Every structure is written in C-alpha cells, then in structure tokens.
C-alpha atoms as a PDB file:
ATOM      1  CA  HIS A   1      16.494  -0.825   7.876  1.00  0.00           C
ATOM      2  CA  ASN A   2      14.816  -3.275   5.514  1.00  0.00           C
ATOM      3  CA  GLY A   3      11.927  -1.138   4.304  1.00  0.00           C
ATOM      4  CA  TYR A   4       9.135  -2.829   6.290  1.00  0.00           C
ATOM      5  CA  LEU A   5       7.416  -1.055   9.178  1.00  0.00           C
ATOM      6  CA  LEU A   6       4.436  -1.923  11.369  1.00  0.00           C
ATOM      7  CA  ILE A   7       2.746   0.942  13.193  1.00  0.00           C
ATOM      8  CA  GLU A   8       0.628  -0.341  16.041  1.00  0.00           C
ATOM      9  CA  ALA A   9      -1.566   2.285  17.693  1.00  0.00           C
ATOM     10  CA  SER A  10      -5.064   2.538  19.058  1.00  0.00           C
ATOM     11  CA  THR A  11      -8.094   3.628  17.060  1.00  0.00           C
ATOM     12  CA  GLY A  12      -8.217   7.397  16.626  1.00  0.00           C
ATOM     13  CA  SER A  13      -4.502   7.848  17.267  1.00  0.00           C
ATOM     14  CA  GLY A  14      -3.673   9.238  13.826  1.00  0.00           C
ATOM     15  CA  LYS A  15      -2.171   6.176  12.148  1.00  0.00           C
ATOM     16  CA  THR A  16      -3.257   7.432   8.710  1.00  0.00           C
ATOM     17  CA  LEU A  17      -1.600  10.766   9.424  1.00  0.00           C
ATOM     18  CA  MET A  18       1.601   9.005  10.538  1.00  0.00           C
ATOM     19  CA  ALA A  19       1.702   6.743   7.480  1.00  0.00           C
ATOM     20  CA  GLY A  20       0.962   9.684   5.166  1.00  0.00           C
ATOM     21  CA  LYS A  21       3.798  11.684   6.700  1.00  0.00           C
ATOM     22  CA  ILE A  22       6.205   8.775   6.255  1.00  0.00           C
ATOM     23  CA  ALA A  23       5.135   8.277   2.620  1.00  0.00           C
ATOM     24  CA  GLU A  24       5.514  11.988   1.907  1.00  0.00           C
ATOM     25  CA  GLU A  25       8.973  12.136   3.525  1.00  0.00           C
ATOM     26  CA  PHE A  26      10.106   9.151   1.439  1.00  0.00           C
ATOM     27  CA  THR A  27       8.826  10.959  -1.641  1.00  0.00           C
ATOM     28  CA  PHE A  28      11.153  13.869  -0.940  1.00  0.00           C
ATOM     29  CA  ARG A  29      14.138  11.501  -0.792  1.00  0.00           C
ATOM     30  CA  GLU A  30      13.316   8.539  -3.034  1.00  0.00           C
ATOM     31  CA  ASP A  31      11.564   7.857  -6.321  1.00  0.00           C
ATOM     32  CA  VAL A  32       8.625   5.950  -4.832  1.00  0.00           C
ATOM     33  CA  VAL A  33       5.089   5.348  -6.130  1.00  0.00           C
ATOM     34  CA  TRP A  34       2.678   4.268  -3.401  1.00  0.00           C
ATOM     35  CA  PHE A  35      -0.222   1.820  -3.406  1.00  0.00           C
ATOM     36  CA  TRP A  36      -2.377   2.530  -0.367  1.00  0.00           C
ATOM     37  CA  PHE A  37      -4.816  -0.196   0.642  1.00  0.00           C
ATOM     38  CA  ALA A  38      -7.849   0.887   2.623  1.00  0.00           C
ATOM     39  CA  PRO A  39      -9.704  -1.882   4.457  1.00  0.00           C
ATOM     40  CA  PHE A  40     -13.097  -1.292   2.812  1.00  0.00           C
ATOM     41  CA  LYS A  41     -14.405   0.346  -0.353  1.00  0.00           C
ATOM     42  CA  GLY A  42     -16.289   2.984   1.658  1.00  0.00           C
ATOM     43  CA  VAL A  43     -13.026   4.207   3.193  1.00  0.00           C
ATOM     44  CA  VAL A  44     -11.156   4.718  -0.115  1.00  0.00           C
ATOM     45  CA  GLY A  45     -12.649   8.152  -0.859  1.00  0.00           C
ATOM     46  CA  GLN A  46     -12.222   9.273   2.732  1.00  0.00           C
ATOM     47  CA  THR A  47      -8.563   8.203   2.755  1.00  0.00           C
ATOM     48  CA  ALA A  48      -7.839   9.791  -0.637  1.00  0.00           C
ATOM     49  CA  GLY A  49      -9.503  13.048   0.460  1.00  0.00           C
ATOM     50  CA  PHE A  50      -7.503  13.118   3.679  1.00  0.00           C
ATOM     51  CA  LEU A  51      -4.205  12.492   1.872  1.00  0.00           C
ATOM     52  CA  ARG A  52      -5.002  15.120  -0.763  1.00  0.00           C
ATOM     53  CA  GLU A  53      -5.829  17.672   1.938  1.00  0.00           C
ATOM     54  CA  GLU A  54      -2.913  16.965   4.273  1.00  0.00           C
ATOM     55  CA  PHE A  55       0.018  16.077   2.024  1.00  0.00           C
ATOM     56  CA  ALA A  56       0.942  18.397  -0.824  1.00  0.00           C
ATOM     57  CA  GLY A  57       3.952  16.187  -1.620  1.00  0.00           C
ATOM     58  CA  LEU A  58       1.709  13.295  -2.644  1.00  0.00           C
ATOM     59  CA  ARG A  59      -0.256  13.176  -5.894  1.00  0.00           C
ATOM     60  CA  LEU A  60      -3.450  11.132  -5.762  1.00  0.00           C
ATOM     61  CA  ARG A  61      -4.295   9.050  -8.817  1.00  0.00           C
ATOM     62  CA  GLU A  62      -7.234   6.838  -9.706  1.00  0.00           C
ATOM     63  CA  LEU A  63      -6.332   3.210 -10.266  1.00  0.00           C
ATOM     64  CA  GLN A  64      -9.541   2.581 -12.216  1.00  0.00           C
ATOM     65  CA  ASP A  65      -8.796   5.020 -15.043  1.00  0.00           C
ATOM     66  CA  ASP A  66      -5.370   6.618 -14.562  1.00  0.00           C
ATOM     67  CA  ARG A  67      -2.750   3.921 -15.049  1.00  0.00           C
ATOM     68  CA  ASP A  68      -0.585   5.816 -17.538  1.00  0.00           C
ATOM     69  CA  ILE A  69       3.004   4.769 -16.927  1.00  0.00           C
ATOM     70  CA  GLY A  70       4.422   7.710 -18.898  1.00  0.00           C
ATOM     71  CA  SER A  71       2.910  10.311 -16.583  1.00  0.00           C
ATOM     72  CA  SER A  72       3.864   8.445 -13.409  1.00  0.00           C
ATOM     73  CA  ARG A  73       6.304  10.098 -11.068  1.00  0.00           C
ATOM     74  CA  ARG A  74       7.572   9.998  -7.528  1.00  0.00           C
ATOM     75  CA  GLY A  75       4.910  10.698  -4.949  1.00  0.00           C
ATOM     76  CA  ASP A  76       2.028   9.201  -6.896  1.00  0.00           C
ATOM     77  CA  VAL A  77      -0.457   7.420  -4.633  1.00  0.00           C
ATOM     78  CA  PHE A  78      -3.127   4.975  -5.724  1.00  0.00           C
ATOM     79  CA  VAL A  79      -5.701   4.417  -2.967  1.00  0.00           C
ATOM     80  CA  THR A  80      -7.669   1.209  -3.400  1.00  0.00           C
ATOM     81  CA  THR A  81      -8.773  -1.987  -1.663  1.00  0.00           C
ATOM     82  CA  TRP A  82      -7.486  -5.534  -1.861  1.00  0.00           C
ATOM     83  CA  GLN A  83     -10.821  -6.565  -3.340  1.00  0.00           C
ATOM     84  CA  THR A  84     -10.094  -4.364  -6.360  1.00  0.00           C
ATOM     85  CA  VAL A  85      -6.791  -6.039  -7.221  1.00  0.00           C
ATOM     86  CA  ALA A  86      -6.619  -9.474  -5.604  1.00  0.00           C
ATOM     87  CA  THR A  87      -8.371 -12.164  -7.616  1.00  0.00           C
ATOM     88  CA  ARG A  88      -7.748 -15.691  -8.824  1.00  0.00           C
ATOM     89  CA  VAL A  89      -8.897 -14.861 -12.362  1.00  0.00           C
ATOM     90  CA  THR A  90      -7.000 -11.752 -13.433  1.00  0.00           C
ATOM     91  CA  ASP A  91      -9.262 -10.812 -16.318  1.00  0.00           C
ATOM     92  CA  ARG A  92     -12.300 -10.483 -14.044  1.00  0.00           C
ATOM     93  CA  ARG A  93     -11.174  -7.295 -12.330  1.00  0.00           C
ATOM     94  CA  ASN A  94     -10.994  -4.120 -14.378  1.00  0.00           C
ATOM     95  CA  VAL A  95      -7.589  -3.065 -13.044  1.00  0.00           C
ATOM     96  CA  ARG A  96      -6.072  -6.491 -13.706  1.00  0.00           C
ATOM     97  CA  LYS A  97      -7.219  -6.448 -17.364  1.00  0.00           C
ATOM     98  CA  GLU A  98      -5.172  -5.025 -20.174  1.00  0.00           C
ATOM     99  CA  GLY A  99      -7.139  -2.161 -21.714  1.00  0.00           C
ATOM    100  CA  GLU A 100      -6.881   0.027 -24.774  1.00  0.00           C
ATOM    101  CA  LEU A 101      -6.091   3.099 -22.685  1.00  0.00           C
ATOM    102  CA  ALA A 102      -4.428   1.612 -19.630  1.00  0.00           C
ATOM    103  CA  PRO A 103      -2.196  -1.318 -18.753  1.00  0.00           C
ATOM    104  CA  SER A 104      -3.230  -3.831 -16.124  1.00  0.00           C
ATOM    105  CA  ILE A 105      -1.978  -3.077 -12.633  1.00  0.00           C
ATOM    106  CA  ASP A 106       0.444  -5.966 -13.100  1.00  0.00           C
ATOM    107  CA  LEU A 107       2.016  -4.217 -16.113  1.00  0.00           C
ATOM    108  CA  LEU A 108       1.755  -0.824 -14.392  1.00  0.00           C
ATOM    109  CA  VAL A 109       3.928  -2.057 -11.534  1.00  0.00           C
ATOM    110  CA  GLN A 110       6.474  -3.497 -13.979  1.00  0.00           C
ATOM    111  CA  GLY A 111       6.428  -0.271 -16.008  1.00  0.00           C
ATOM    112  CA  LEU A 112       7.053   1.785 -12.879  1.00  0.00           C
ATOM    113  CA  ARG A 113      10.045  -0.379 -12.068  1.00  0.00           C
ATOM    114  CA  ASP A 114      11.291   0.000 -15.648  1.00  0.00           C
ATOM    115  CA  LYS A 115      11.168   3.782 -15.083  1.00  0.00           C
ATOM    116  CA  LYS A 116      13.387   3.228 -12.017  1.00  0.00           C
ATOM    117  CA  LEU A 117      10.545   4.054  -9.614  1.00  0.00           C
ATOM    118  CA  ARG A 118      10.362   2.057  -6.418  1.00  0.00           C
ATOM    119  CA  ILE A 119       7.159   0.552  -5.096  1.00  0.00           C
ATOM    120  CA  GLY A 120       5.813   1.456  -1.682  1.00  0.00           C
ATOM    121  CA  VAL A 121       2.726  -0.044  -0.085  1.00  0.00           C
ATOM    122  CA  VAL A 122       0.631   1.194   2.824  1.00  0.00           C
ATOM    123  CA  VAL A 123      -1.770  -1.338   4.300  1.00  0.00           C
ATOM    124  CA  ASP A 124      -4.357   0.323   6.510  1.00  0.00           C
ATOM    125  CA  GLU A 125      -5.933  -2.059   9.036  1.00  0.00           C
ATOM    126  CA  ALA A 126      -3.377  -4.705   8.098  1.00  0.00           C
ATOM    127  CA  HIS A 127      -5.118  -7.266  10.296  1.00  0.00           C
ATOM    128  CA  HIS A 128      -8.096  -7.448   7.862  1.00  0.00           C
ATOM    129  CA  GLY A 129      -7.479 -10.265   5.373  1.00  0.00           C
ATOM    130  CA  PHE A 130      -3.819  -9.528   4.788  1.00  0.00           C
ATOM    131  CA  HIS A 131      -1.922 -12.570   5.998  1.00  0.00           C
ATOM    132  CA  GLY A 132      -0.944 -16.104   5.096  1.00  0.00           C
ATOM    133  CA  ASP A 133      -2.072 -17.276   1.704  1.00  0.00           C
ATOM    134  CA  THR A 134      -4.932 -14.851   1.149  1.00  0.00           C
ATOM    135  CA  LEU A 135      -5.257 -13.380  -2.331  1.00  0.00           C
ATOM    136  CA  ALA A 136      -4.191 -10.011  -0.897  1.00  0.00           C
ATOM    137  CA  ALA A 137      -0.976 -11.440   0.553  1.00  0.00           C
ATOM    138  CA  LYS A 138      -0.262 -13.273  -2.683  1.00  0.00           C
ATOM    139  CA  PHE A 139      -0.777 -10.089  -4.744  1.00  0.00           C
ATOM    140  CA  PHE A 140       1.488  -8.206  -2.316  1.00  0.00           C
ATOM    141  CA  ARG A 141       4.253 -10.808  -2.669  1.00  0.00           C
ATOM    142  CA  GLU A 142       4.013 -11.685  -6.347  1.00  0.00           C
ATOM    143  CA  ILE A 143       2.896  -8.501  -8.100  1.00  0.00           C
ATOM    144  CA  LEU A 144       3.771  -5.555  -5.875  1.00  0.00           C
ATOM    145  CA  ASN A 145       6.839  -7.009  -4.144  1.00  0.00           C
ATOM    146  CA  PRO A 146       7.471  -3.558  -2.649  1.00  0.00           C
ATOM    147  CA  GLU A 147      10.743  -2.092  -1.551  1.00  0.00           C
ATOM    148  CA  TYR A 148       8.862  -0.288   1.217  1.00  0.00           C
ATOM    149  CA  ALA A 149       5.806  -1.309   3.213  1.00  0.00           C
ATOM    150  CA  ILE A 150       3.992   0.456   6.023  1.00  0.00           C
ATOM    151  CA  LEU A 151       1.493  -1.736   7.821  1.00  0.00           C
ATOM    152  CA  ILE A 152      -0.849   0.073  10.194  1.00  0.00           C
ATOM    153  CA  THR A 153      -3.185  -1.555  12.681  1.00  0.00           C
ATOM    154  CA  ALA A 154      -4.691  -1.178  16.115  1.00  0.00           C
ATOM    155  CA  THR A 155      -4.815  -4.927  16.739  1.00  0.00           C
ATOM    156  CA  PRO A 156      -1.868  -6.871  15.330  1.00  0.00           C
ATOM    157  CA  ASP A 157      -1.835 -10.642  15.649  1.00  0.00           C
ATOM    158  CA  ASP A 158       1.692 -11.800  16.486  1.00  0.00           C
ATOM    159  CA  LYS A 159       1.153 -15.180  14.808  1.00  0.00           C
ATOM    160  CA  ASP A 160       0.029 -13.453  11.584  1.00  0.00           C
ATOM    161  CA  LEU A 161       3.044 -11.119  11.759  1.00  0.00           C
ATOM    162  CA  GLU A 162       5.458 -14.036  12.111  1.00  0.00           C
ATOM    163  CA  GLU A 163       3.801 -15.769   9.158  1.00  0.00           C
ATOM    164  CA  PHE A 164       4.013 -12.518   7.140  1.00  0.00           C
ATOM    165  CA  GLU A 165       7.745 -12.200   7.857  1.00  0.00           C
ATOM    166  CA  GLU A 166       8.314 -15.799   6.830  1.00  0.00           C
ATOM    167  CA  LYS A 167       6.249 -15.664   3.609  1.00  0.00           C
ATOM    168  CA  ILE A 168       7.702 -12.323   2.496  1.00  0.00           C
ATOM    169  CA  GLY A 169      11.223 -13.276   3.476  1.00  0.00           C
ATOM    170  CA  VAL A 170      11.670 -10.327   5.826  1.00  0.00           C
ATOM    171  CA  ALA A 171      14.157 -11.061   8.580  1.00  0.00           C
ATOM    172  CA  GLU A 172      12.582  -8.475  10.856  1.00  0.00           C
ATOM    173  CA  LEU A 173       9.468  -6.360  10.589  1.00  0.00           C
ATOM    174  CA  HIS A 174      10.322  -3.103  12.345  1.00  0.00           C
ATOM    175  CA  ARG A 175       7.531  -2.524  14.849  1.00  0.00           C
ATOM    176  CA  THR A 176       6.569   0.775  16.429  1.00  0.00           C
ATOM    177  CA  SER A 177       3.945   0.530  19.152  1.00  0.00           C
ATOM    178  CA  ILE A 178       2.238   3.633  20.472  1.00  0.00           C
ATOM    179  CA  GLY A 179       0.156   3.133  23.598  1.00  0.00           C
ATOM    180  CA  ARG A 180      -3.137   4.916  24.189  1.00  0.00           C
ATOM    181  CA  PHE A 181      -1.547   7.036  26.940  1.00  0.00           C
ATOM    182  CA  ASP A 182       1.193   8.223  24.558  1.00  0.00           C
ATOM    183  CA  VAL A 183      -1.313   9.247  21.899  1.00  0.00           C
END
C-alpha cells in the first residue's frame, strides 16, 4: 500500500525470480524505471543475465555507459552494486560524474522523474550494508528516493528494518515471509 515490500525467504527459494516478476508486473501497469542492486560485483552479470532471460517485459541497460535520459522508458532496469554509486566524493565514481556522453546517475534519476517516470529499487540481499547511515542507505534516501522498493533477503534483522522504516519515513514496510517448507 505504500510501495515498500520486504520478501523474506530462504536461500535458493527464488527471491530473484519473485522480485523480477513483481518488477515486470509493475512495468505493465506503471511507468517505472528500476535500479536493481546486487550484493556483490560478481553477481551483477549473473543477475542481469537471469532478468534478460526470464523477463521479456524488462529492458536491461548498462549504468556505466547507457545513461541516456531521452531513450529511457518504462521497464528499464539498471543492475549494479552499492559500491558503484554510493560514495562520499561524488566525482570519484564514474557513474556519479557528469560526462560528455552521459549524465551522472544523480541527474539521470532527476531526468527520469522529469519525464514522469517513477523510480523503483530492488535490493538483493538487503541485509548486506543497506541500513542506518551507510552510504548505500544515504544514496537510497537522498538520490533515488524511490516510489517503489523491493527488499529481498534470507536473513532480515528486525532492528535494521525498524531503523530503515524510521530513516526512510515509511510507516510500515510490508513484509512477506516464505518459510522453507512453503518453498
């Protein structure tokens, strides 16, 4: 009801599949561009390949070299890591720098909003460095400020979730828990 969902399910249960299906369904109904955060750099390609293979309604884009606002449309998905975007010094990271051929991710997000596209975020393994006052949480709040967020994890920390709700200003994080037996 407020655009924020936590999917809690055991390892190997298909959380990526569930989140991809939700993102794709939203794409059919809403003008949403997604930023999908994988927990580690080595998982980015695997996640992007899986999404490309499973979800024809999503269009994978490369954050490093494809930040053209004019060609952006509903269903675009940028798969990346927090390490790529979250930094104290914004001109140190390629995607946070203004370039000749591409805006910074900060300006990309604003440009998407100017085009009346909503921002959706998927955080895979949300328990890894995404809480409190980490750079990732700050980037989420201050730059992305998404209308929709899907947090997926096998091991949520209730204290971190309460802090997340408070810092983001979400009255209630909708939580769906799927037990190992139900998988």
